Amino acid sequence: MDALATVLDEVGRVVARMDPAEIEAFAAEVAALPRVFVTGEGRSGLMARAFAMRLLHLGSSVAVLGETATPPIAAGDGLVAVSGSGTTAVTRLLAEQAVTAGARLLAVTTDPDSPLAVQAACSLVIPAATKWRRAAEPASEQPLGSLFDQCAHLALDAVCLAIARRRGFTNDAARQRHANAE
C-alpha cells in the first residue's frame, strides 16, 4: 500500500469509530460560548490554532492562550484544550487556570479517562494513536502523533461545519471575516 493510501486507511478507521453525536454536542458547547480560547502544545497546538482561525471565520470571539495579544480568560468563557494523551503538563496547567477563572473546559483527546478529560465539562474523544502507543490505541504506521493530529483536524473541522450550519454561515459570510491583509 502506498503512503497516501496508508494515511487515508488509518484516518478512515479512526473516523469510523467516532460518534457523530459527540461532534454535534461539542459544536453546541463551543457555539454557546461568548468567547473561545484554545490551547495545546506542539502539533496539538497547531490543530488548536487552526480551529481558532476557523471559529473566527464563523463569527466567534476567539483567542489563543500564550499569544501576546490574548485577553484574560474570565467566567463564562470557554477553553478548548487539545492534547492527544490528555496528560500534557502545560496544557493541563492552563486548563486548571482557566477553570479557576470560571471558564468552561472542553477537551480534545484520545483518552476519556485522562486528567484533562476528567476535568473537562465536555470532551471530544479521538480514538487515534498518539506518540505513546498505549495498549488501547489503534495501530498506526505513521510516526508519533500524526494520526491523532490528522483526525483531530478533521473532527474539529466537522465541529466547525456543525457550527456554520447552526449559525447559517455560508462561505460568503465566512469569507467576509477572512484576513484581507495577507
N, C-alpha and C. Protein backbone atom coordinates (compact mmCIF):
# COMPACT_ATOMS: atom_id res chain seq x y z
N MET A 1 0.86 -1.18 0.00
CA MET A 1 0.00 0.00 0.00
C MET A 1 0.90 1.23 0.00
N ASP A 2 0.59 2.21 -0.87
CA ASP A 2 1.42 3.41 -0.91
C ASP A 2 1.15 4.28 0.33
N ALA A 3 2.02 5.24 0.57
CA ALA A 3 1.96 6.05 1.79
C ALA A 3 0.64 6.80 1.93
N LEU A 4 0.17 7.41 0.85
CA LEU A 4 -1.09 8.16 0.93
C LEU A 4 -2.25 7.23 1.25
N ALA A 5 -2.28 6.07 0.63
CA ALA A 5 -3.34 5.11 0.92
C ALA A 5 -3.28 4.64 2.37
N THR A 6 -2.08 4.49 2.92
CA THR A 6 -1.93 4.10 4.32
C THR A 6 -2.51 5.17 5.24
N VAL A 7 -2.17 6.42 4.99
CA VAL A 7 -2.69 7.52 5.81
C VAL A 7 -4.22 7.57 5.73
N LEU A 8 -4.76 7.50 4.52
CA LEU A 8 -6.21 7.54 4.34
C LEU A 8 -6.90 6.36 5.02
N ASP A 9 -6.29 5.18 4.94
CA ASP A 9 -6.85 4.00 5.58
C ASP A 9 -6.88 4.17 7.09
N GLU A 10 -5.77 4.63 7.66
CA GLU A 10 -5.71 4.81 9.11
C GLU A 10 -6.70 5.86 9.58
N VAL A 11 -6.76 6.98 8.89
CA VAL A 11 -7.71 8.04 9.25
C VAL A 11 -9.14 7.53 9.14
N GLY A 12 -9.43 6.81 8.08
CA GLY A 12 -10.78 6.27 7.88
C GLY A 12 -11.21 5.35 9.01
N ARG A 13 -10.27 4.51 9.48
CA ARG A 13 -10.60 3.60 10.58
C ARG A 13 -10.90 4.36 11.87
N VAL A 14 -10.17 5.44 12.14
CA VAL A 14 -10.43 6.24 13.35
C VAL A 14 -11.76 6.97 13.22
N VAL A 15 -11.98 7.62 12.11
CA VAL A 15 -13.21 8.39 11.91
C VAL A 15 -14.44 7.49 12.01
N ALA A 16 -14.32 6.27 11.52
CA ALA A 16 -15.45 5.33 11.60
C ALA A 16 -15.81 4.99 13.04
N ARG A 17 -14.86 5.12 13.95
CA ARG A 17 -15.10 4.82 15.37
C ARG A 17 -15.61 6.02 16.15
N MET A 18 -15.63 7.19 15.53
CA MET A 18 -16.08 8.40 16.23
C MET A 18 -17.60 8.48 16.25
N ASP A 19 -18.11 9.13 17.28
CA ASP A 19 -19.54 9.28 17.48
C ASP A 19 -20.00 10.63 16.93
N PRO A 20 -20.78 10.64 15.85
CA PRO A 20 -21.25 11.91 15.29
C PRO A 20 -22.02 12.76 16.31
N ALA A 21 -22.73 12.12 17.24
CA ALA A 21 -23.46 12.87 18.27
C ALA A 21 -22.50 13.63 19.18
N GLU A 22 -21.33 13.05 19.40
CA GLU A 22 -20.34 13.73 20.24
C GLU A 22 -19.82 14.99 19.55
N ILE A 23 -19.65 14.92 18.24
CA ILE A 23 -19.21 16.10 17.48
C ILE A 23 -20.27 17.17 17.54
N GLU A 24 -21.53 16.80 17.37
CA GLU A 24 -22.63 17.78 17.45
C GLU A 24 -22.73 18.39 18.84
N ALA A 25 -22.57 17.59 19.88
CA ALA A 25 -22.62 18.10 21.26
C ALA A 25 -21.47 19.05 21.52
N PHE A 26 -20.29 18.71 21.03
CA PHE A 26 -19.12 19.58 21.20
C PHE A 26 -19.36 20.90 20.46
N ALA A 27 -19.91 20.82 19.27
CA ALA A 27 -20.21 22.03 18.49
C ALA A 27 -21.21 22.91 19.22
N ALA A 28 -22.22 22.31 19.82
CA ALA A 28 -23.21 23.09 20.56
C ALA A 28 -22.56 23.80 21.74
N GLU A 29 -21.66 23.11 22.42
CA GLU A 29 -20.93 23.72 23.55
C GLU A 29 -20.11 24.91 23.08
N VAL A 30 -19.34 24.73 22.02
CA VAL A 30 -18.48 25.80 21.51
C VAL A 30 -19.32 26.97 21.01
N ALA A 31 -20.38 26.67 20.28
CA ALA A 31 -21.21 27.73 19.71
C ALA A 31 -21.88 28.58 20.77
N ALA A 32 -22.12 28.02 21.95
CA ALA A 32 -22.79 28.74 23.02
C ALA A 32 -21.85 29.64 23.82
N LEU A 33 -20.56 29.53 23.61
CA LEU A 33 -19.61 30.30 24.40
C LEU A 33 -19.51 31.74 23.91
N PRO A 34 -19.47 32.71 24.82
CA PRO A 34 -19.30 34.10 24.38
C PRO A 34 -17.90 34.37 23.84
N ARG A 35 -16.90 33.71 24.45
CA ARG A 35 -15.52 33.81 23.97
C ARG A 35 -14.88 32.44 24.08
N VAL A 36 -14.10 32.09 23.04
CA VAL A 36 -13.44 30.79 23.00
C VAL A 36 -11.93 31.02 23.01
N PHE A 37 -11.26 30.34 23.92
CA PHE A 37 -9.81 30.32 23.96
C PHE A 37 -9.38 28.92 23.58
N VAL A 38 -8.21 28.79 22.98
CA VAL A 38 -7.68 27.48 22.63
C VAL A 38 -6.26 27.34 23.14
N THR A 39 -5.87 26.09 23.39
CA THR A 39 -4.50 25.80 23.79
C THR A 39 -4.14 24.38 23.41
N GLY A 40 -2.86 24.14 23.32
CA GLY A 40 -2.29 22.84 23.04
C GLY A 40 -0.82 23.03 22.79
N GLU A 41 -0.04 22.02 23.03
CA GLU A 41 1.40 22.09 22.83
C GLU A 41 1.80 21.36 21.55
N GLY A 42 2.88 21.77 20.96
CA GLY A 42 3.40 21.09 19.77
C GLY A 42 2.39 21.02 18.64
N ARG A 43 2.29 19.84 18.05
CA ARG A 43 1.37 19.68 16.91
C ARG A 43 -0.09 19.78 17.34
N SER A 44 -0.38 19.39 18.58
CA SER A 44 -1.74 19.59 19.10
C SER A 44 -2.06 21.08 19.14
N GLY A 45 -1.07 21.89 19.46
CA GLY A 45 -1.25 23.34 19.47
C GLY A 45 -1.53 23.88 18.07
N LEU A 46 -0.89 23.29 17.08
CA LEU A 46 -1.17 23.70 15.70
C LEU A 46 -2.61 23.38 15.32
N MET A 47 -3.11 22.22 15.75
CA MET A 47 -4.50 21.87 15.48
C MET A 47 -5.44 22.85 16.20
N ALA A 48 -5.08 23.23 17.42
CA ALA A 48 -5.89 24.19 18.18
C ALA A 48 -5.91 25.54 17.47
N ARG A 49 -4.77 25.97 16.97
CA ARG A 49 -4.70 27.26 16.27
C ARG A 49 -5.51 27.24 14.97
N ALA A 50 -5.46 26.13 14.25
CA ALA A 50 -6.26 26.00 13.03
C ALA A 50 -7.75 26.10 13.37
N PHE A 51 -8.14 25.46 14.46
CA PHE A 51 -9.52 25.51 14.92
C PHE A 51 -9.91 26.95 15.28
N ALA A 52 -9.02 27.65 15.97
CA ALA A 52 -9.29 29.05 16.34
C ALA A 52 -9.54 29.91 15.11
N MET A 53 -8.72 29.73 14.07
CA MET A 53 -8.90 30.52 12.86
C MET A 53 -10.25 30.24 12.22
N ARG A 54 -10.64 28.98 12.18
CA ARG A 54 -11.93 28.64 11.58
C ARG A 54 -13.08 29.22 12.40
N LEU A 55 -12.96 29.16 13.74
CA LEU A 55 -14.01 29.74 14.58
C LEU A 55 -14.13 31.25 14.35
N LEU A 56 -13.00 31.92 14.18
CA LEU A 56 -13.03 33.36 13.88
C LEU A 56 -13.82 33.61 12.61
N HIS A 57 -13.58 32.80 11.59
CA HIS A 57 -14.29 32.96 10.32
C HIS A 57 -15.79 32.71 10.47
N LEU A 58 -16.17 31.97 11.52
CA LEU A 58 -17.58 31.65 11.74
C LEU A 58 -18.24 32.59 12.75
N GLY A 59 -17.56 33.68 13.08
CA GLY A 59 -18.18 34.69 13.92
C GLY A 59 -17.90 34.59 15.40
N SER A 60 -17.06 33.66 15.82
CA SER A 60 -16.74 33.54 17.24
C SER A 60 -15.70 34.56 17.65
N SER A 61 -15.76 34.96 18.90
CA SER A 61 -14.70 35.74 19.52
C SER A 61 -13.71 34.71 20.05
N VAL A 62 -12.49 34.71 19.53
CA VAL A 62 -11.55 33.63 19.81
C VAL A 62 -10.14 34.16 20.05
N ALA A 63 -9.41 33.47 20.92
CA ALA A 63 -8.02 33.83 21.21
C ALA A 63 -7.22 32.57 21.51
N VAL A 64 -5.92 32.65 21.28
CA VAL A 64 -5.00 31.55 21.54
C VAL A 64 -4.23 31.87 22.81
N LEU A 65 -4.32 31.00 23.82
CA LEU A 65 -3.57 31.24 25.05
C LEU A 65 -2.08 31.29 24.75
N GLY A 66 -1.40 32.23 25.37
CA GLY A 66 0.05 32.35 25.21
C GLY A 66 0.47 33.36 24.16
N GLU A 67 -0.44 33.79 23.31
CA GLU A 67 -0.10 34.81 22.33
C GLU A 67 -0.03 36.17 23.02
N THR A 68 0.75 37.09 22.49
CA THR A 68 0.95 38.37 23.17
C THR A 68 -0.31 39.22 23.22
N ALA A 69 -1.24 39.03 22.32
CA ALA A 69 -2.46 39.84 22.30
C ALA A 69 -3.67 39.10 22.87
N THR A 70 -3.42 38.12 23.74
CA THR A 70 -4.52 37.34 24.32
C THR A 70 -5.11 38.07 25.51
N PRO A 71 -6.43 38.28 25.51
CA PRO A 71 -7.06 38.92 26.68
C PRO A 71 -7.14 37.92 27.84
N PRO A 72 -7.45 38.41 29.03
CA PRO A 72 -7.60 37.49 30.16
C PRO A 72 -8.84 36.62 29.98
N ILE A 73 -8.73 35.38 30.40
CA ILE A 73 -9.86 34.46 30.36
C ILE A 73 -10.71 34.73 31.60
N ALA A 74 -12.03 34.65 31.47
CA ALA A 74 -12.91 35.02 32.56
C ALA A 74 -14.07 34.04 32.69
N ALA A 75 -14.82 34.20 33.75
CA ALA A 75 -16.00 33.38 33.99
C ALA A 75 -16.93 33.46 32.78
N GLY A 76 -17.42 32.31 32.36
CA GLY A 76 -18.33 32.24 31.22
C GLY A 76 -17.63 31.95 29.91
N ASP A 77 -16.32 32.21 29.83
CA ASP A 77 -15.56 31.89 28.63
C ASP A 77 -15.37 30.38 28.54
N GLY A 78 -14.82 29.93 27.43
CA GLY A 78 -14.51 28.52 27.29
C GLY A 78 -13.09 28.33 26.81
N LEU A 79 -12.49 27.24 27.24
CA LEU A 79 -11.16 26.87 26.78
C LEU A 79 -11.23 25.51 26.10
N VAL A 80 -10.83 25.46 24.83
CA VAL A 80 -10.70 24.19 24.13
C VAL A 80 -9.23 23.79 24.23
N ALA A 81 -8.97 22.71 24.96
CA ALA A 81 -7.61 22.23 25.19
C ALA A 81 -7.40 20.94 24.41
N VAL A 82 -6.38 20.93 23.56
CA VAL A 82 -6.09 19.79 22.70
C VAL A 82 -4.83 19.09 23.20
N SER A 83 -4.96 17.83 23.54
CA SER A 83 -3.83 17.01 23.97
C SER A 83 -4.15 15.55 23.67
N GLY A 84 -3.38 14.95 22.80
CA GLY A 84 -3.63 13.55 22.44
C GLY A 84 -3.69 12.66 23.66
N SER A 85 -2.70 12.77 24.52
CA SER A 85 -2.65 11.92 25.72
C SER A 85 -3.58 12.41 26.82
N GLY A 86 -3.87 13.70 26.81
CA GLY A 86 -4.65 14.29 27.91
C GLY A 86 -3.82 14.46 29.16
N THR A 87 -2.50 14.34 29.02
CA THR A 87 -1.62 14.46 30.18
C THR A 87 -0.55 15.54 30.00
N THR A 88 -0.53 16.24 28.90
CA THR A 88 0.50 17.25 28.64
C THR A 88 0.48 18.29 29.76
N ALA A 89 1.62 18.45 30.42
CA ALA A 89 1.70 19.27 31.64
C ALA A 89 1.27 20.72 31.43
N VAL A 90 1.78 21.38 30.41
CA VAL A 90 1.45 22.79 30.18
C VAL A 90 -0.04 22.93 29.85
N THR A 91 -0.55 22.05 29.02
CA THR A 91 -1.96 22.11 28.65
C THR A 91 -2.84 21.91 29.88
N ARG A 92 -2.48 20.97 30.73
CA ARG A 92 -3.25 20.72 31.95
C ARG A 92 -3.17 21.92 32.89
N LEU A 93 -2.00 22.54 33.03
CA LEU A 93 -1.84 23.72 33.89
C LEU A 93 -2.72 24.87 33.40
N LEU A 94 -2.69 25.13 32.10
CA LEU A 94 -3.53 26.19 31.54
C LEU A 94 -5.01 25.88 31.71
N ALA A 95 -5.37 24.62 31.58
CA ALA A 95 -6.76 24.20 31.78
C ALA A 95 -7.18 24.47 33.23
N GLU A 96 -6.33 24.11 34.16
CA GLU A 96 -6.64 24.36 35.58
C GLU A 96 -6.80 25.85 35.86
N GLN A 97 -5.91 26.66 35.29
CA GLN A 97 -6.01 28.11 35.48
C GLN A 97 -7.30 28.66 34.89
N ALA A 98 -7.69 28.16 33.73
CA ALA A 98 -8.93 28.62 33.10
C ALA A 98 -10.13 28.24 33.94
N VAL A 99 -10.16 27.02 34.43
CA VAL A 99 -11.28 26.56 35.27
C VAL A 99 -11.34 27.40 36.55
N THR A 100 -10.19 27.68 37.14
CA THR A 100 -10.14 28.52 38.34
C THR A 100 -10.71 29.91 38.06
N ALA A 101 -10.49 30.40 36.84
CA ALA A 101 -11.02 31.72 36.45
C ALA A 101 -12.51 31.67 36.12
N GLY A 102 -13.09 30.47 36.13
CA GLY A 102 -14.51 30.33 35.87
C GLY A 102 -14.87 29.94 34.45
N ALA A 103 -13.87 29.59 33.65
CA ALA A 103 -14.13 29.19 32.26
C ALA A 103 -14.59 27.74 32.20
N ARG A 104 -15.26 27.42 31.12
CA ARG A 104 -15.73 26.06 30.85
C ARG A 104 -14.64 25.35 30.05
N LEU A 105 -14.20 24.19 30.50
CA LEU A 105 -13.14 23.45 29.83
C LEU A 105 -13.73 22.41 28.90
N LEU A 106 -13.26 22.44 27.64
CA LEU A 106 -13.64 21.46 26.62
C LEU A 106 -12.35 20.79 26.15
N ALA A 107 -12.29 19.47 26.24
CA ALA A 107 -11.07 18.73 25.91
C ALA A 107 -11.19 18.00 24.59
N VAL A 108 -10.09 17.95 23.86
CA VAL A 108 -9.96 17.14 22.65
C VAL A 108 -8.79 16.20 22.92
N THR A 109 -9.05 14.90 23.03
CA THR A 109 -8.05 13.94 23.45
C THR A 109 -8.41 12.54 22.97
N THR A 110 -7.47 11.63 23.10
CA THR A 110 -7.73 10.23 22.76
C THR A 110 -8.29 9.46 23.94
N ASP A 111 -8.05 9.96 25.15
CA ASP A 111 -8.33 9.20 26.36
C ASP A 111 -9.42 9.84 27.21
N PRO A 112 -10.62 9.29 27.22
CA PRO A 112 -11.71 9.88 28.01
C PRO A 112 -11.46 9.81 29.52
N ASP A 113 -10.49 9.02 29.94
CA ASP A 113 -10.17 8.90 31.36
C ASP A 113 -8.91 9.68 31.74
N SER A 114 -8.37 10.46 30.82
CA SER A 114 -7.15 11.23 31.10
C SER A 114 -7.47 12.36 32.07
N PRO A 115 -6.46 12.89 32.75
CA PRO A 115 -6.69 14.01 33.67
C PRO A 115 -7.38 15.20 32.99
N LEU A 116 -7.01 15.50 31.76
CA LEU A 116 -7.63 16.62 31.05
C LEU A 116 -9.11 16.35 30.80
N ALA A 117 -9.44 15.17 30.30
CA ALA A 117 -10.83 14.84 30.00
C ALA A 117 -11.68 14.76 31.26
N VAL A 118 -11.12 14.24 32.33
CA VAL A 118 -11.87 14.12 33.58
C VAL A 118 -12.23 15.51 34.13
N GLN A 119 -11.33 16.47 33.95
CA GLN A 119 -11.57 17.83 34.43
C GLN A 119 -12.54 18.60 33.53
N ALA A 120 -12.70 18.16 32.30
CA ALA A 120 -13.48 18.90 31.30
C ALA A 120 -14.98 18.75 31.50
N ALA A 121 -15.70 19.79 31.13
CA ALA A 121 -17.16 19.75 31.14
C ALA A 121 -17.67 18.95 29.95
N CYS A 122 -16.87 18.90 28.89
CA CYS A 122 -17.24 18.22 27.66
C CYS A 122 -15.96 17.77 26.96
N SER A 123 -15.98 16.58 26.39
CA SER A 123 -14.81 16.08 25.68
C SER A 123 -15.18 15.60 24.29
N LEU A 124 -14.24 15.77 23.38
CA LEU A 124 -14.32 15.21 22.04
C LEU A 124 -13.22 14.16 21.98
N VAL A 125 -13.62 12.91 21.96
CA VAL A 125 -12.66 11.81 22.01
C VAL A 125 -12.31 11.37 20.58
N ILE A 126 -11.01 11.41 20.30
CA ILE A 126 -10.49 10.99 19.00
C ILE A 126 -9.78 9.66 19.24
N PRO A 127 -10.36 8.53 18.86
CA PRO A 127 -9.78 7.22 19.18
C PRO A 127 -8.61 6.86 18.25
N ALA A 128 -7.54 7.67 18.32
CA ALA A 128 -6.39 7.51 17.43
C ALA A 128 -5.13 7.19 18.22
N ALA A 129 -4.10 6.79 17.50
CA ALA A 129 -2.80 6.55 18.10
C ALA A 129 -2.12 7.87 18.43
N THR A 130 -1.39 7.88 19.55
CA THR A 130 -0.55 9.01 19.93
C THR A 130 0.90 8.57 19.85
N LYS A 131 1.80 9.47 20.18
CA LYS A 131 3.22 9.11 20.17
C LYS A 131 3.57 8.07 21.23
N TRP A 132 2.68 7.87 22.21
CA TRP A 132 2.95 6.95 23.30
C TRP A 132 2.61 5.50 22.95
N ARG A 133 1.77 5.27 21.95
CA ARG A 133 1.36 3.94 21.52
C ARG A 133 0.93 3.07 22.69
N ARG A 134 -0.03 3.59 23.45
CA ARG A 134 -0.59 2.83 24.58
C ARG A 134 -1.38 1.64 24.06
N ALA A 135 -1.57 0.67 24.93
CA ALA A 135 -2.22 -0.59 24.56
C ALA A 135 -3.61 -0.40 23.95
N ALA A 136 -4.38 0.56 24.43
CA ALA A 136 -5.74 0.77 23.96
C ALA A 136 -5.81 1.53 22.64
N GLU A 137 -4.69 2.07 22.19
CA GLU A 137 -4.70 2.86 20.96
C GLU A 137 -4.63 1.96 19.73
N PRO A 138 -5.25 2.40 18.63
CA PRO A 138 -5.15 1.60 17.41
C PRO A 138 -3.73 1.64 16.86
N ALA A 139 -3.39 0.66 16.09
CA ALA A 139 -2.07 0.62 15.46
C ALA A 139 -1.97 1.73 14.42
N SER A 140 -0.76 2.24 14.25
CA SER A 140 -0.51 3.23 13.22
C SER A 140 0.91 3.07 12.72
N GLU A 141 1.06 3.09 11.42
CA GLU A 141 2.39 3.05 10.81
C GLU A 141 3.04 4.43 10.82
N GLN A 142 2.22 5.47 10.97
CA GLN A 142 2.73 6.82 10.95
C GLN A 142 3.49 7.14 12.24
N PRO A 143 4.52 7.97 12.15
CA PRO A 143 5.29 8.29 13.34
C PRO A 143 4.56 9.24 14.29
N LEU A 144 4.94 9.10 15.57
CA LEU A 144 4.48 9.98 16.63
C LEU A 144 2.95 10.12 16.63
N GLY A 145 2.45 11.34 16.81
CA GLY A 145 1.02 11.56 16.92
C GLY A 145 0.35 11.99 15.64
N SER A 146 0.95 11.65 14.51
CA SER A 146 0.38 12.10 13.23
C SER A 146 -1.08 11.70 13.08
N LEU A 147 -1.42 10.47 13.44
CA LEU A 147 -2.80 10.02 13.27
C LEU A 147 -3.75 10.83 14.15
N PHE A 148 -3.37 11.11 15.39
CA PHE A 148 -4.21 11.96 16.24
C PHE A 148 -4.36 13.34 15.63
N ASP A 149 -3.25 13.93 15.20
CA ASP A 149 -3.29 15.28 14.63
C ASP A 149 -4.23 15.35 13.43
N GLN A 150 -4.10 14.39 12.53
CA GLN A 150 -4.95 14.39 11.33
C GLN A 150 -6.41 14.25 11.69
N CYS A 151 -6.70 13.34 12.59
CA CYS A 151 -8.10 13.09 12.96
C CYS A 151 -8.68 14.22 13.80
N ALA A 152 -7.85 14.84 14.65
CA ALA A 152 -8.31 16.00 15.42
C ALA A 152 -8.65 17.14 14.47
N HIS A 153 -7.81 17.34 13.46
CA HIS A 153 -8.08 18.39 12.48
C HIS A 153 -9.42 18.15 11.78
N LEU A 154 -9.65 16.92 11.34
CA LEU A 154 -10.91 16.60 10.66
C LEU A 154 -12.10 16.72 11.60
N ALA A 155 -11.95 16.23 12.82
CA ALA A 155 -13.06 16.30 13.78
C ALA A 155 -13.38 17.75 14.12
N LEU A 156 -12.36 18.58 14.31
CA LEU A 156 -12.61 19.99 14.62
C LEU A 156 -13.18 20.72 13.41
N ASP A 157 -12.82 20.31 12.21
CA ASP A 157 -13.47 20.86 11.01
C ASP A 157 -14.94 20.46 10.98
N ALA A 158 -15.25 19.24 11.40
CA ALA A 158 -16.66 18.81 11.47
C ALA A 158 -17.40 19.64 12.52
N VAL A 159 -16.75 19.95 13.63
CA VAL A 159 -17.34 20.83 14.64
C VAL A 159 -17.64 22.19 14.01
N CYS A 160 -16.70 22.70 13.24
CA CYS A 160 -16.91 24.00 12.58
C CYS A 160 -18.05 23.95 11.57
N LEU A 161 -18.15 22.87 10.83
CA LEU A 161 -19.27 22.74 9.89
C LEU A 161 -20.60 22.73 10.64
N ALA A 162 -20.65 22.01 11.76
CA ALA A 162 -21.89 21.99 12.56
C ALA A 162 -22.21 23.38 13.09
N ILE A 163 -21.19 24.12 13.51
CA ILE A 163 -21.42 25.50 13.98
C ILE A 163 -21.89 26.38 12.82
N ALA A 164 -21.26 26.26 11.66
CA ALA A 164 -21.67 27.04 10.49
C ALA A 164 -23.13 26.78 10.16
N ARG A 165 -23.53 25.53 10.20
CA ARG A 165 -24.93 25.18 9.92
C ARG A 165 -25.85 25.79 10.96
N ARG A 166 -25.47 25.71 12.25
CA ARG A 166 -26.29 26.29 13.33
C ARG A 166 -26.48 27.79 13.13
N ARG A 167 -25.41 28.45 12.71
CA ARG A 167 -25.43 29.91 12.58
C ARG A 167 -25.86 30.37 11.21
N GLY A 168 -26.05 29.45 10.29
CA GLY A 168 -26.42 29.82 8.93
C GLY A 168 -25.28 30.53 8.20
N PHE A 169 -24.04 30.21 8.57
CA PHE A 169 -22.88 30.84 7.94
C PHE A 169 -22.59 30.16 6.62
N THR A 170 -22.54 30.94 5.57
CA THR A 170 -22.18 30.44 4.24
C THR A 170 -20.71 30.73 3.99
N ASN A 171 -20.20 30.23 2.90
CA ASN A 171 -18.83 30.52 2.50
C ASN A 171 -18.64 32.03 2.34
N ASP A 172 -19.62 32.71 1.74
CA ASP A 172 -19.50 34.16 1.55
C ASP A 172 -19.42 34.89 2.88
N ALA A 173 -20.23 34.48 3.85
CA ALA A 173 -20.19 35.11 5.18
C ALA A 173 -18.84 34.87 5.85
N ALA A 174 -18.33 33.66 5.75
CA ALA A 174 -17.03 33.34 6.35
C ALA A 174 -15.92 34.12 5.65
N ARG A 175 -16.03 34.25 4.34
CA ARG A 175 -15.00 34.99 3.59
C ARG A 175 -14.93 36.44 4.03
N GLN A 176 -16.05 37.01 4.44
CA GLN A 176 -16.07 38.40 4.94
C GLN A 176 -15.27 38.55 6.23
N ARG A 177 -15.09 37.46 6.96
CA ARG A 177 -14.33 37.50 8.21
C ARG A 177 -12.88 37.01 8.03
N HIS A 178 -12.52 36.67 6.80
CA HIS A 178 -11.17 36.19 6.50
C HIS A 178 -10.21 37.39 6.43
N ALA A 179 -8.97 37.17 6.78
CA ALA A 179 -7.96 38.24 6.71
C ALA A 179 -7.93 38.84 5.30
N ASN A 180 -7.80 40.16 5.23
CA ASN A 180 -7.73 40.83 3.93
C ASN A 180 -6.38 41.52 3.73
N ALA A 181 -5.48 41.38 4.67
CA ALA A 181 -4.12 41.90 4.54
C ALA A 181 -3.17 40.73 4.73
N GLU A 182 -2.98 40.01 3.63
CA GLU A 182 -2.11 38.82 3.71
C GLU A 182 -1.19 38.73 2.52
